[in-house]
């Protein structure tokens, strides 16, 4: 197993790019899957997003300058892919929001092994705007530092902190209304 710095160096060297990319897929594939799964919620969508992420990364390998860690670069691509998928799905959604429940959908998903409370938490998170949802998930579930999230999303730490704070308030309100 290689560390991120070794993978980054391999990606920057044209003679070792392929091996570096293969190492990145092996090392980060599962981590990216779970990061994306928290955003798109379903196994199939997460699988598609991760696959698209690696395709985009491979095609853009020449643009990777090593300014960030390999994982940060891949995470940024994955998050953008996940958010793009959510936007596409919103445009295609024909079921009214009253008829669709994220919690019900998750509880019916054979890949979901959480409790009803966890499904309700995902329902609350799903109601957040895309950026707030992503910031909340990266900070709360992945326990990433604001500086790392800032690199992934290309925004300031101050705006991330504000987004996280607002997201926490909205999630708290969601649960208060359920009591």
N, C-alpha and C. Protein backbone atom coordinates (compact mmCIF):
# COMPACT_ATOMS: atom_id res chain seq x y z
N UNK A 1 0.84 -1.18 0.00
CA UNK A 1 0.00 0.00 0.00
C UNK A 1 0.89 1.25 0.00
N UNK A 2 0.57 2.16 -0.89
CA UNK A 2 1.36 3.39 -1.02
C UNK A 2 0.67 4.54 -0.30
N UNK A 3 1.46 5.54 0.06
CA UNK A 3 0.83 6.72 0.65
C UNK A 3 0.48 7.69 -0.47
N UNK A 4 -0.29 8.70 -0.12
CA UNK A 4 -0.79 9.65 -1.12
C UNK A 4 0.33 10.37 -1.84
N UNK A 5 1.39 10.66 -1.14
CA UNK A 5 2.51 11.38 -1.76
C UNK A 5 3.16 10.52 -2.85
N UNK A 6 3.32 9.22 -2.59
CA UNK A 6 3.91 8.33 -3.59
C UNK A 6 3.01 8.24 -4.83
N UNK A 7 1.71 8.10 -4.59
CA UNK A 7 0.77 8.02 -5.71
C UNK A 7 0.79 9.31 -6.51
N UNK A 8 0.81 10.44 -5.82
CA UNK A 8 0.86 11.75 -6.49
C UNK A 8 2.09 11.84 -7.36
N UNK A 9 3.25 11.44 -6.83
CA UNK A 9 4.49 11.50 -7.60
C UNK A 9 4.43 10.59 -8.84
N UNK A 10 3.83 9.41 -8.68
CA UNK A 10 3.70 8.50 -9.82
C UNK A 10 2.78 9.08 -10.90
N UNK A 11 1.72 9.76 -10.47
CA UNK A 11 0.79 10.37 -11.43
C UNK A 11 1.44 11.51 -12.20
N UNK A 12 2.38 12.17 -11.57
CA UNK A 12 3.06 13.31 -12.22
C UNK A 12 4.14 12.88 -13.21
N UNK A 13 4.61 11.66 -13.09
CA UNK A 13 5.67 11.14 -13.95
C UNK A 13 5.04 10.35 -15.09
N UNK A 14 5.28 10.77 -16.32
CA UNK A 14 4.64 10.11 -17.48
C UNK A 14 5.02 8.63 -17.58
N UNK A 15 6.18 8.24 -17.06
CA UNK A 15 6.61 6.84 -17.13
C UNK A 15 5.88 5.96 -16.11
N UNK A 16 5.36 6.57 -15.04
CA UNK A 16 4.71 5.77 -13.99
C UNK A 16 3.24 6.13 -13.80
N UNK A 17 2.69 6.95 -14.71
CA UNK A 17 1.30 7.39 -14.57
C UNK A 17 0.33 6.22 -14.50
N UNK A 18 0.48 5.25 -15.36
CA UNK A 18 -0.45 4.12 -15.40
C UNK A 18 -0.43 3.35 -14.08
N UNK A 19 0.77 3.06 -13.57
CA UNK A 19 0.89 2.34 -12.30
C UNK A 19 0.35 3.19 -11.15
N UNK A 20 0.60 4.47 -11.21
CA UNK A 20 0.08 5.38 -10.18
C UNK A 20 -1.44 5.44 -10.21
N UNK A 21 -1.99 5.46 -11.40
CA UNK A 21 -3.44 5.50 -11.53
C UNK A 21 -4.06 4.19 -11.02
N UNK A 22 -3.46 3.06 -11.37
CA UNK A 22 -3.95 1.77 -10.89
C UNK A 22 -3.88 1.71 -9.36
N UNK A 23 -2.81 2.24 -8.79
CA UNK A 23 -2.67 2.28 -7.33
C UNK A 23 -3.75 3.17 -6.72
N UNK A 24 -4.04 4.29 -7.38
CA UNK A 24 -5.07 5.21 -6.88
C UNK A 24 -6.44 4.53 -6.90
N UNK A 25 -6.73 3.80 -7.97
CA UNK A 25 -8.01 3.10 -8.06
C UNK A 25 -8.13 2.08 -6.93
N UNK A 26 -7.08 1.30 -6.73
CA UNK A 26 -7.09 0.29 -5.65
C UNK A 26 -7.20 0.93 -4.27
N UNK A 27 -6.42 1.97 -4.06
CA UNK A 27 -6.33 2.57 -2.73
C UNK A 27 -7.53 3.45 -2.39
N UNK A 28 -8.09 4.16 -3.37
CA UNK A 28 -9.12 5.15 -3.07
C UNK A 28 -10.51 4.78 -3.54
N UNK A 29 -10.63 3.71 -4.32
CA UNK A 29 -11.92 3.34 -4.88
C UNK A 29 -13.01 3.18 -3.84
N UNK A 30 -12.75 2.41 -2.80
CA UNK A 30 -13.77 2.18 -1.78
C UNK A 30 -14.07 3.45 -0.99
N UNK A 31 -13.03 4.20 -0.65
CA UNK A 31 -13.21 5.45 0.10
C UNK A 31 -14.05 6.44 -0.70
N UNK A 32 -13.77 6.55 -2.00
CA UNK A 32 -14.56 7.43 -2.85
C UNK A 32 -15.99 6.95 -2.96
N UNK A 33 -16.17 5.62 -3.04
CA UNK A 33 -17.51 5.06 -3.12
C UNK A 33 -18.34 5.51 -1.92
N UNK A 34 -17.80 5.37 -0.72
CA UNK A 34 -18.57 5.72 0.48
C UNK A 34 -18.77 7.23 0.60
N UNK A 35 -17.80 7.99 0.15
CA UNK A 35 -17.96 9.45 0.15
C UNK A 35 -19.11 9.84 -0.77
N UNK A 36 -19.15 9.25 -1.95
CA UNK A 36 -20.19 9.55 -2.94
C UNK A 36 -21.53 8.95 -2.51
N UNK A 37 -21.50 7.78 -1.92
CA UNK A 37 -22.75 7.11 -1.51
C UNK A 37 -23.53 7.97 -0.54
N UNK A 38 -22.83 8.70 0.31
CA UNK A 38 -23.51 9.59 1.26
C UNK A 38 -24.19 10.75 0.54
N UNK A 39 -23.75 11.08 -0.65
CA UNK A 39 -24.33 12.18 -1.40
C UNK A 39 -25.49 11.69 -2.26
N UNK A 40 -25.28 10.59 -2.99
CA UNK A 40 -26.30 10.13 -3.94
C UNK A 40 -27.24 9.08 -3.35
N UNK A 41 -26.85 8.50 -2.22
CA UNK A 41 -27.64 7.57 -1.41
C UNK A 41 -27.76 6.14 -1.92
N UNK A 42 -27.88 5.91 -3.22
CA UNK A 42 -28.08 4.53 -3.67
C UNK A 42 -26.77 3.91 -4.15
N UNK A 43 -26.72 2.60 -4.00
CA UNK A 43 -25.53 1.83 -4.40
C UNK A 43 -25.24 2.00 -5.89
N UNK A 44 -26.26 1.83 -6.72
CA UNK A 44 -26.06 1.90 -8.17
C UNK A 44 -25.56 3.27 -8.62
N UNK A 45 -26.16 4.32 -8.06
CA UNK A 45 -25.71 5.67 -8.40
C UNK A 45 -24.27 5.91 -7.94
N UNK A 46 -23.95 5.46 -6.74
CA UNK A 46 -22.59 5.64 -6.22
C UNK A 46 -21.58 4.89 -7.09
N UNK A 47 -21.94 3.68 -7.48
CA UNK A 47 -21.08 2.89 -8.36
C UNK A 47 -20.82 3.62 -9.67
N UNK A 48 -21.90 4.14 -10.26
CA UNK A 48 -21.78 4.88 -11.53
C UNK A 48 -20.90 6.12 -11.37
N UNK A 49 -21.11 6.85 -10.29
CA UNK A 49 -20.35 8.08 -10.06
C UNK A 49 -18.86 7.77 -9.89
N UNK A 50 -18.53 6.74 -9.14
CA UNK A 50 -17.12 6.39 -8.94
C UNK A 50 -16.49 5.96 -10.27
N UNK A 51 -17.22 5.18 -11.04
CA UNK A 51 -16.70 4.77 -12.34
C UNK A 51 -16.46 5.99 -13.23
N UNK A 52 -17.43 6.90 -13.27
CA UNK A 52 -17.27 8.14 -14.06
C UNK A 52 -16.12 8.98 -13.54
N UNK A 53 -15.93 8.98 -12.23
CA UNK A 53 -14.84 9.74 -11.62
C UNK A 53 -13.50 9.24 -12.14
N UNK A 54 -13.31 7.93 -12.12
CA UNK A 54 -12.03 7.40 -12.58
C UNK A 54 -11.85 7.59 -14.08
N UNK A 55 -12.92 7.52 -14.85
CA UNK A 55 -12.81 7.79 -16.29
C UNK A 55 -12.40 9.24 -16.54
N UNK A 56 -13.06 10.17 -15.83
CA UNK A 56 -12.72 11.59 -16.00
C UNK A 56 -11.29 11.86 -15.54
N UNK A 57 -10.91 11.25 -14.42
CA UNK A 57 -9.56 11.45 -13.90
C UNK A 57 -8.52 10.92 -14.90
N UNK A 58 -8.77 9.75 -15.45
CA UNK A 58 -7.83 9.18 -16.43
C UNK A 58 -7.69 10.10 -17.64
N UNK A 59 -8.83 10.59 -18.13
CA UNK A 59 -8.81 11.48 -19.30
C UNK A 59 -8.20 12.84 -19.00
N UNK A 60 -8.19 13.23 -17.74
CA UNK A 60 -7.65 14.54 -17.35
C UNK A 60 -6.31 14.42 -16.63
N UNK A 61 -5.69 13.27 -16.72
CA UNK A 61 -4.44 13.04 -16.00
C UNK A 61 -3.37 14.06 -16.35
N UNK A 62 -3.36 14.49 -17.59
CA UNK A 62 -2.36 15.48 -18.02
C UNK A 62 -2.57 16.83 -17.35
N UNK A 63 -3.78 17.10 -16.86
CA UNK A 63 -4.05 18.38 -16.21
C UNK A 63 -3.76 18.34 -14.72
N UNK A 64 -3.50 17.15 -14.17
CA UNK A 64 -3.19 17.04 -12.75
C UNK A 64 -1.79 17.58 -12.52
N UNK A 65 -1.72 18.68 -11.80
CA UNK A 65 -0.43 19.34 -11.59
C UNK A 65 0.24 19.03 -10.27
N UNK A 66 -0.42 18.26 -9.42
CA UNK A 66 0.17 17.92 -8.14
C UNK A 66 0.02 19.02 -7.11
N UNK A 67 -0.81 20.04 -7.41
CA UNK A 67 -1.04 21.13 -6.45
C UNK A 67 -1.73 20.62 -5.20
N UNK A 68 -2.50 19.55 -5.36
CA UNK A 68 -3.19 18.93 -4.22
C UNK A 68 -2.81 17.45 -4.20
N UNK A 69 -3.20 16.78 -3.14
CA UNK A 69 -2.96 15.35 -3.03
C UNK A 69 -3.82 14.64 -4.07
N UNK A 70 -3.40 13.45 -4.46
CA UNK A 70 -4.16 12.67 -5.44
C UNK A 70 -5.58 12.40 -4.94
N UNK A 71 -5.71 12.06 -3.66
CA UNK A 71 -7.04 11.77 -3.13
C UNK A 71 -7.92 13.02 -3.16
N UNK A 72 -7.37 14.16 -2.84
CA UNK A 72 -8.13 15.41 -2.86
C UNK A 72 -8.61 15.69 -4.28
N UNK A 73 -7.74 15.51 -5.25
CA UNK A 73 -8.09 15.73 -6.65
C UNK A 73 -9.21 14.78 -7.07
N UNK A 74 -9.08 13.50 -6.74
CA UNK A 74 -10.11 12.52 -7.09
C UNK A 74 -11.42 12.82 -6.36
N UNK A 75 -11.34 13.24 -5.11
CA UNK A 75 -12.54 13.57 -4.34
C UNK A 75 -13.29 14.73 -4.97
N UNK A 76 -12.54 15.70 -5.42
CA UNK A 76 -13.18 16.86 -6.06
C UNK A 76 -13.94 16.44 -7.31
N UNK A 77 -13.32 15.58 -8.10
CA UNK A 77 -13.99 15.08 -9.31
C UNK A 77 -15.22 14.28 -8.91
N UNK A 78 -15.08 13.41 -7.91
CA UNK A 78 -16.19 12.55 -7.47
C UNK A 78 -17.35 13.37 -6.94
N UNK A 79 -17.06 14.37 -6.13
CA UNK A 79 -18.11 15.22 -5.56
C UNK A 79 -18.84 15.97 -6.67
N UNK A 80 -18.07 16.51 -7.61
CA UNK A 80 -18.70 17.21 -8.73
C UNK A 80 -19.57 16.27 -9.57
N UNK A 81 -19.10 15.06 -9.78
CA UNK A 81 -19.89 14.06 -10.52
C UNK A 81 -21.17 13.73 -9.76
N UNK A 82 -21.06 13.56 -8.44
CA UNK A 82 -22.24 13.24 -7.62
C UNK A 82 -23.25 14.38 -7.67
N UNK A 83 -22.77 15.61 -7.54
CA UNK A 83 -23.67 16.77 -7.58
C UNK A 83 -24.31 16.91 -8.97
N UNK A 84 -23.55 16.62 -10.02
CA UNK A 84 -24.12 16.64 -11.38
C UNK A 84 -25.23 15.61 -11.51
N UNK A 85 -25.01 14.42 -10.97
CA UNK A 85 -26.03 13.37 -11.02
C UNK A 85 -27.29 13.81 -10.27
N UNK A 86 -27.11 14.43 -9.11
CA UNK A 86 -28.27 14.90 -8.34
C UNK A 86 -29.06 15.95 -9.13
N UNK A 87 -28.34 16.85 -9.79
CA UNK A 87 -29.02 17.88 -10.59
C UNK A 87 -29.78 17.25 -11.75
N UNK A 88 -29.17 16.27 -12.40
CA UNK A 88 -29.85 15.58 -13.51
C UNK A 88 -31.09 14.85 -13.00
N UNK A 89 -30.95 14.19 -11.87
CA UNK A 89 -32.08 13.45 -11.30
C UNK A 89 -33.21 14.38 -10.89
N UNK A 90 -32.88 15.56 -10.38
CA UNK A 90 -33.93 16.53 -10.01
C UNK A 90 -34.72 16.97 -11.22
N UNK A 91 -34.03 17.18 -12.33
CA UNK A 91 -34.71 17.60 -13.56
C UNK A 91 -35.62 16.49 -14.09
N UNK A 92 -35.21 15.23 -13.92
CA UNK A 92 -35.98 14.10 -14.44
C UNK A 92 -37.06 13.62 -13.49
N UNK A 93 -37.00 14.04 -12.25
CA UNK A 93 -37.93 13.51 -11.25
C UNK A 93 -39.37 13.90 -11.58
N UNK A 94 -40.22 12.89 -11.71
CA UNK A 94 -41.61 13.14 -12.05
C UNK A 94 -42.52 12.93 -10.85
N UNK A 95 -42.02 12.24 -9.84
CA UNK A 95 -42.81 11.99 -8.64
C UNK A 95 -42.76 13.25 -7.78
N UNK A 96 -43.90 13.66 -7.26
CA UNK A 96 -43.90 14.85 -6.42
C UNK A 96 -43.17 14.55 -5.11
N UNK A 97 -42.63 15.58 -4.50
CA UNK A 97 -41.88 15.40 -3.25
C UNK A 97 -42.73 14.80 -2.15
N UNK A 98 -44.04 15.04 -2.18
CA UNK A 98 -44.92 14.47 -1.16
C UNK A 98 -45.00 12.95 -1.26
N UNK A 99 -44.84 12.43 -2.48
CA UNK A 99 -44.97 10.99 -2.69
C UNK A 99 -43.65 10.25 -2.49
N UNK A 100 -42.53 10.95 -2.47
CA UNK A 100 -41.23 10.33 -2.39
C UNK A 100 -40.63 10.54 -1.00
N UNK A 101 -40.15 9.47 -0.41
CA UNK A 101 -39.49 9.55 0.88
C UNK A 101 -38.13 8.88 0.80
N UNK A 102 -37.09 9.64 1.08
CA UNK A 102 -35.75 9.09 1.07
C UNK A 102 -35.65 7.97 2.09
N UNK A 103 -36.24 8.17 3.27
CA UNK A 103 -36.19 7.17 4.33
C UNK A 103 -36.83 5.86 3.87
N UNK A 104 -38.00 5.94 3.27
CA UNK A 104 -38.68 4.73 2.79
C UNK A 104 -37.86 4.04 1.71
N UNK A 105 -37.31 4.84 0.83
CA UNK A 105 -36.50 4.30 -0.25
C UNK A 105 -35.27 3.58 0.31
N UNK A 106 -34.61 4.20 1.28
CA UNK A 106 -33.43 3.58 1.88
C UNK A 106 -33.77 2.30 2.62
N UNK A 107 -34.86 2.33 3.37
CA UNK A 107 -35.25 1.14 4.13
C UNK A 107 -35.61 -0.03 3.20
N UNK A 108 -36.03 0.28 1.98
CA UNK A 108 -36.35 -0.77 1.01
C UNK A 108 -35.12 -1.22 0.22
N UNK A 109 -34.03 -0.47 0.31
CA UNK A 109 -32.80 -0.78 -0.42
C UNK A 109 -32.06 -1.94 0.25
N UNK A 110 -31.82 -3.04 -0.47
CA UNK A 110 -31.14 -4.20 0.14
C UNK A 110 -29.71 -3.89 0.58
N UNK A 111 -29.09 -2.85 0.04
CA UNK A 111 -27.73 -2.49 0.42
C UNK A 111 -27.69 -1.60 1.66
N UNK A 112 -28.82 -1.07 2.08
CA UNK A 112 -28.87 -0.20 3.26
C UNK A 112 -29.02 -1.06 4.50
N UNK A 113 -28.08 -0.93 5.44
CA UNK A 113 -28.14 -1.75 6.64
C UNK A 113 -28.29 -0.89 7.90
N UNK A 114 -28.83 0.30 7.75
CA UNK A 114 -28.99 1.20 8.88
C UNK A 114 -30.35 1.07 9.56
N UNK A 115 -30.51 1.87 10.59
CA UNK A 115 -31.76 1.87 11.35
C UNK A 115 -32.73 2.89 10.75
N UNK A 116 -33.93 2.91 11.30
CA UNK A 116 -34.92 3.89 10.84
C UNK A 116 -34.45 5.32 11.14
N UNK A 117 -33.80 5.51 12.27
CA UNK A 117 -33.29 6.84 12.63
C UNK A 117 -32.22 7.28 11.63
N UNK A 118 -31.36 6.36 11.23
CA UNK A 118 -30.34 6.70 10.24
C UNK A 118 -30.98 7.03 8.89
N UNK A 119 -32.03 6.33 8.56
CA UNK A 119 -32.75 6.63 7.31
C UNK A 119 -33.40 8.01 7.39
N UNK A 120 -33.95 8.35 8.56
CA UNK A 120 -34.54 9.69 8.73
C UNK A 120 -33.47 10.78 8.67
N UNK A 121 -32.29 10.48 9.21
CA UNK A 121 -31.19 11.44 9.11
C UNK A 121 -30.86 11.68 7.65
N UNK A 122 -30.81 10.61 6.86
CA UNK A 122 -30.53 10.76 5.43
C UNK A 122 -31.64 11.54 4.73
N UNK A 123 -32.87 11.36 5.19
CA UNK A 123 -33.99 12.13 4.64
C UNK A 123 -33.78 13.63 4.92
N UNK A 124 -33.38 13.94 6.15
CA UNK A 124 -33.13 15.34 6.52
C UNK A 124 -31.98 15.91 5.70
N UNK A 125 -30.94 15.13 5.53
CA UNK A 125 -29.77 15.58 4.77
C UNK A 125 -30.15 15.79 3.31
N UNK A 126 -30.99 14.91 2.78
CA UNK A 126 -31.39 15.00 1.37
C UNK A 126 -32.17 16.29 1.08
N UNK A 127 -32.78 16.87 2.10
CA UNK A 127 -33.55 18.10 1.91
C UNK A 127 -32.68 19.34 1.88
N UNK A 128 -31.41 19.18 2.23
CA UNK A 128 -30.50 20.32 2.21
C UNK A 128 -30.11 20.67 0.78
N UNK A 129 -29.79 21.93 0.53
CA UNK A 129 -29.24 22.28 -0.79
C UNK A 129 -27.95 21.48 -1.02
N UNK A 130 -27.61 21.24 -2.26
CA UNK A 130 -26.49 20.36 -2.61
C UNK A 130 -25.19 20.70 -1.88
N UNK A 131 -24.82 21.95 -1.87
CA UNK A 131 -23.54 22.33 -1.25
C UNK A 131 -23.58 22.10 0.26
N UNK A 132 -24.67 22.50 0.92
CA UNK A 132 -24.78 22.27 2.37
C UNK A 132 -24.74 20.78 2.67
N UNK A 133 -25.42 19.99 1.85
CA UNK A 133 -25.44 18.54 2.05
C UNK A 133 -24.03 17.97 1.95
N UNK A 134 -23.32 18.39 0.93
CA UNK A 134 -21.97 17.87 0.71
C UNK A 134 -21.03 18.27 1.84
N UNK A 135 -21.09 19.53 2.24
CA UNK A 135 -20.24 20.01 3.34
C UNK A 135 -20.56 19.26 4.62
N UNK A 136 -21.85 19.09 4.91
CA UNK A 136 -22.25 18.38 6.12
C UNK A 136 -21.70 16.95 6.11
N UNK A 137 -21.87 16.26 5.01
CA UNK A 137 -21.43 14.87 4.94
C UNK A 137 -19.92 14.73 5.05
N UNK A 138 -19.19 15.61 4.39
CA UNK A 138 -17.74 15.52 4.45
C UNK A 138 -17.22 15.85 5.85
N UNK A 139 -17.86 16.79 6.51
CA UNK A 139 -17.42 17.20 7.84
C UNK A 139 -17.91 16.22 8.92
N UNK A 140 -19.19 15.88 8.89
CA UNK A 140 -19.80 15.08 9.94
C UNK A 140 -19.43 13.59 9.82
N UNK A 141 -19.64 13.03 8.65
CA UNK A 141 -19.40 11.59 8.48
C UNK A 141 -17.94 11.26 8.23
N UNK A 142 -17.30 12.02 7.34
CA UNK A 142 -15.92 11.72 6.99
C UNK A 142 -14.91 12.40 7.92
N UNK A 143 -15.41 13.32 8.74
CA UNK A 143 -14.60 14.04 9.73
C UNK A 143 -13.40 14.72 9.08
N UNK A 144 -13.62 15.28 7.89
CA UNK A 144 -12.55 16.00 7.20
C UNK A 144 -12.39 17.40 7.78
N UNK A 145 -11.20 17.90 7.71
CA UNK A 145 -10.91 19.26 8.15
C UNK A 145 -11.48 20.24 7.12
N UNK A 146 -11.83 21.42 7.59
CA UNK A 146 -12.35 22.44 6.67
C UNK A 146 -11.33 22.76 5.58
N UNK A 147 -10.05 22.72 5.91
CA UNK A 147 -9.02 23.02 4.91
C UNK A 147 -9.03 22.00 3.78
N UNK A 148 -9.24 20.72 4.12
CA UNK A 148 -9.32 19.68 3.09
C UNK A 148 -10.59 19.83 2.24
N UNK A 149 -11.70 20.11 2.90
CA UNK A 149 -12.96 20.30 2.18
C UNK A 149 -12.84 21.52 1.26
N UNK A 150 -12.17 22.55 1.74
CA UNK A 150 -11.97 23.77 0.96
C UNK A 150 -11.25 23.45 -0.35
N UNK A 151 -10.23 22.60 -0.27
CA UNK A 151 -9.50 22.20 -1.48
C UNK A 151 -10.40 21.38 -2.41
N UNK A 152 -11.19 20.48 -1.83
CA UNK A 152 -12.05 19.62 -2.64
C UNK A 152 -13.13 20.42 -3.37
N UNK A 153 -13.71 21.38 -2.67
CA UNK A 153 -14.84 22.12 -3.24
C UNK A 153 -14.44 23.46 -3.85
N UNK A 154 -13.19 23.86 -3.64
CA UNK A 154 -12.72 25.12 -4.21
C UNK A 154 -13.42 26.33 -3.64
N UNK A 155 -13.62 26.35 -2.34
CA UNK A 155 -14.28 27.48 -1.68
C UNK A 155 -13.56 27.80 -0.38
N UNK A 156 -13.94 28.89 0.25
CA UNK A 156 -13.23 29.31 1.47
C UNK A 156 -13.70 28.52 2.68
N UNK A 157 -12.83 28.45 3.67
CA UNK A 157 -13.16 27.76 4.91
C UNK A 157 -14.31 28.47 5.63
N UNK A 158 -14.34 29.79 5.57
CA UNK A 158 -15.40 30.55 6.22
C UNK A 158 -16.78 30.20 5.67
N UNK A 159 -16.88 30.11 4.35
CA UNK A 159 -18.18 29.77 3.76
C UNK A 159 -18.55 28.32 4.07
N UNK A 160 -17.56 27.45 4.18
CA UNK A 160 -17.82 26.05 4.54
C UNK A 160 -18.36 25.95 5.97
N UNK A 161 -17.76 26.71 6.87
CA UNK A 161 -18.21 26.71 8.27
C UNK A 161 -19.65 27.21 8.36
N UNK A 162 -19.94 28.26 7.61
CA UNK A 162 -21.31 28.79 7.60
C UNK A 162 -22.28 27.76 7.03
N UNK A 163 -21.92 27.12 5.94
CA UNK A 163 -22.78 26.10 5.33
C UNK A 163 -23.02 24.95 6.30
N UNK A 164 -21.97 24.52 6.99
CA UNK A 164 -22.11 23.42 7.94
C UNK A 164 -23.04 23.81 9.08
N UNK A 165 -22.85 25.00 9.61
CA UNK A 165 -23.67 25.48 10.73
C UNK A 165 -25.15 25.55 10.32
N UNK A 166 -25.42 26.08 9.16
CA UNK A 166 -26.81 26.17 8.66
C UNK A 166 -27.38 24.77 8.45
N UNK A 167 -26.59 23.87 7.91
CA UNK A 167 -27.05 22.49 7.68
C UNK A 167 -27.42 21.82 9.00
N UNK A 168 -26.60 22.00 10.01
CA UNK A 168 -26.88 21.40 11.33
C UNK A 168 -28.20 21.96 11.88
N UNK A 169 -28.41 23.25 11.73
CA UNK A 169 -29.66 23.86 12.20
C UNK A 169 -30.87 23.27 11.48
N UNK A 170 -30.76 23.13 10.17
CA UNK A 170 -31.87 22.59 9.38
C UNK A 170 -32.17 21.13 9.75
N UNK A 171 -31.13 20.36 9.98
CA UNK A 171 -31.33 18.95 10.37
C UNK A 171 -31.97 18.87 11.75
N UNK A 172 -31.53 19.73 12.66
CA UNK A 172 -32.13 19.77 14.00
C UNK A 172 -33.61 20.12 13.92
N UNK A 173 -33.94 21.10 13.08
CA UNK A 173 -35.34 21.49 12.88
C UNK A 173 -36.17 20.34 12.30
N UNK A 174 -35.59 19.60 11.38
CA UNK A 174 -36.28 18.45 10.79
C UNK A 174 -36.69 17.47 11.88
N UNK A 175 -35.77 17.18 12.81
CA UNK A 175 -36.08 16.22 13.87
C UNK A 175 -37.03 16.80 14.92
N UNK A 176 -36.94 18.10 15.16
CA UNK A 176 -37.88 18.74 16.11
C UNK A 176 -39.31 18.65 15.59
N UNK A 177 -39.47 18.82 14.28
CA UNK A 177 -40.81 18.76 13.68
C UNK A 177 -41.38 17.34 13.72
N UNK A 178 -40.52 16.33 13.84
CA UNK A 178 -40.97 14.94 13.88
C UNK A 178 -41.40 14.52 15.29
N UNK A 179 -40.98 15.26 16.29
CA UNK A 179 -41.35 14.90 17.69
C UNK A 179 -42.79 15.17 17.98
